[in-house]
Protein backbone atom coordinates (compact mmCIF):
# COMPACT_ATOMS: atom_id res chain seq x y z
CA MET A 1 -10.18 -6.89 2.23
CA LYS A 2 -7.31 -3.95 2.80
CA VAL A 3 -3.88 -4.95 4.37
CA VAL A 4 -1.05 -2.57 4.76
CA PHE A 5 3.07 -3.75 4.44
CA PHE A 6 5.88 -1.63 4.95
CA ALA A 7 8.92 -2.22 2.95
CA SER A 8 11.86 -0.71 3.68
CA LYS A 9 13.67 1.29 0.75
CA GLU A 10 16.42 -1.70 0.20
CA ASN A 11 13.46 -4.47 -0.37
CA TYR A 12 10.96 -1.65 -2.27
CA GLY A 13 11.89 -2.46 -5.76
CA SER A 14 11.74 -5.77 -5.44
CA ALA A 15 8.81 -6.36 -3.77
CA LYS A 16 7.24 -3.83 -6.00
CA ASN A 17 8.37 -5.83 -8.92
CA LYS A 18 7.27 -9.16 -7.37
CA LEU A 19 3.39 -7.77 -6.93
CA TYR A 20 3.16 -6.39 -10.64
CA MET A 21 4.71 -10.02 -12.31
CA ASP A 22 1.92 -11.99 -10.60
CA ASP A 23 -1.21 -11.79 -12.60
CA LEU A 24 -3.95 -12.10 -9.67
CA VAL A 25 -1.80 -9.86 -6.84
CA SER A 26 -1.53 -7.40 -10.01
CA ARG A 27 -5.23 -7.13 -10.40
CA GLN A 28 -5.75 -5.77 -7.04
CA SER A 29 -6.21 -1.54 -6.04
CA ILE A 30 -2.46 -1.22 -4.96
CA THR A 31 -1.46 2.16 -3.55
CA VAL A 32 2.42 3.00 -2.54
CA ARG A 33 3.28 5.97 -0.17
CA ASP A 34 6.79 7.10 0.74
CA ASN A 35 6.56 7.46 4.74
CA SER A 36 7.26 11.08 4.33
CA ALA A 37 3.84 10.88 3.29
CA ILE A 38 2.78 9.25 6.15
CA GLY A 39 4.82 9.96 8.69
CA MET A 40 5.22 6.93 10.87
CA GLY A 41 9.02 7.56 11.78
CA LYS A 42 10.32 4.63 9.05
CA GLU A 43 12.29 5.05 6.01
CA GLY A 44 10.28 3.42 3.33
CA TYR A 45 7.16 2.52 1.72
CA TYR A 46 3.81 1.63 2.79
CA ILE A 47 1.86 -1.14 0.43
CA LEU A 48 -1.63 -0.94 0.77
CA ILE A 49 -3.32 -3.52 -1.15
CA ASP A 50 -7.13 -3.63 -1.71
CA GLY A 51 -8.40 -7.18 -2.97
CA ASP A 52 -9.77 -10.30 -2.74
CA GLU A 53 -9.27 -13.22 0.25
CA LYS A 54 -6.97 -15.08 -2.41
CA ALA A 55 -4.95 -12.28 -4.11
CA ILE A 56 -4.03 -10.94 -0.62
CA GLY A 57 -2.56 -14.06 0.78
CA LYS A 58 -0.27 -14.57 -2.46
CA ALA A 59 0.51 -11.09 -1.87
CA ARG A 60 1.50 -11.85 1.98
CA LYS A 61 3.50 -14.90 0.42
CA ILE A 62 5.14 -12.88 -2.14
CA LEU A 63 6.32 -10.16 0.79
CA LYS A 64 7.31 -12.72 3.42
CA GLU A 65 10.90 -11.79 2.94
CA LEU A 66 10.30 -8.57 1.04
CA ALA A 67 8.26 -6.45 3.76
CA ASP A 68 6.41 -6.52 6.86
CA GLU A 69 2.96 -6.51 7.57
CA LEU A 70 1.06 -4.10 9.52
CA LYS A 71 -1.75 -4.66 12.19
CA GLY A 72 -4.01 -3.11 14.67
CA GLY A 73 -3.56 0.84 14.88
CA ASP A 74 -1.31 1.65 13.01
CA ALA A 75 -2.60 -0.05 10.02
CA GLU A 76 -5.66 1.73 10.50
CA LYS A 77 -3.30 4.95 10.40
CA VAL A 78 -1.55 4.34 7.05
CA VAL A 79 -5.51 3.21 5.74
CA SER A 80 -6.76 6.14 7.10
CA SER A 81 -3.82 8.48 5.85
CA ILE A 82 -4.22 7.43 2.46
CA GLU A 83 -7.82 7.43 1.73
CA GLY A 84 -7.71 10.65 3.06
CA GLN A 85 -5.01 11.90 0.42
CA GLU A 86 -6.98 9.98 -2.30
CA SER A 87 -10.16 12.00 -1.24
CA ASP A 88 -8.53 15.10 -1.00
CA ALA A 89 -7.20 15.12 -4.43
CA ALA A 90 -9.99 13.88 -5.78
CA GLU A 91 -11.77 17.34 -4.36
CA GLY A 92 -9.39 19.39 -5.84
CA PHE A 93 -9.70 17.64 -9.18
CA GLY A 94 -13.06 18.01 -9.04
CA ALA A 95 -12.70 22.19 -8.16
CA ILE A 96 -10.93 22.33 -11.19
CA PHE A 97 -12.90 20.91 -13.57
CA GLY A 98 -16.42 20.62 -11.76
């Protein structure tokens, strides 16, 4: 299960620390991108968490006051952008050591 949050610059440090301090949530796949890498017009950070439902539920509670959960097309655009960047990076890395 994947979920995307947006944290303002002011809240990002606290959000990140709380996510990584939680034993369950910190064991999930957490990817962070600055908005400049995504280009959706906001200043802040996108946090993509890929994990099981229990961990996602806990992340939602942790981030309730610190970040907004994205839904629908906005969430899909962020996930697609991050996955595309990771795929491009893997292909580039493979070309170097291929």
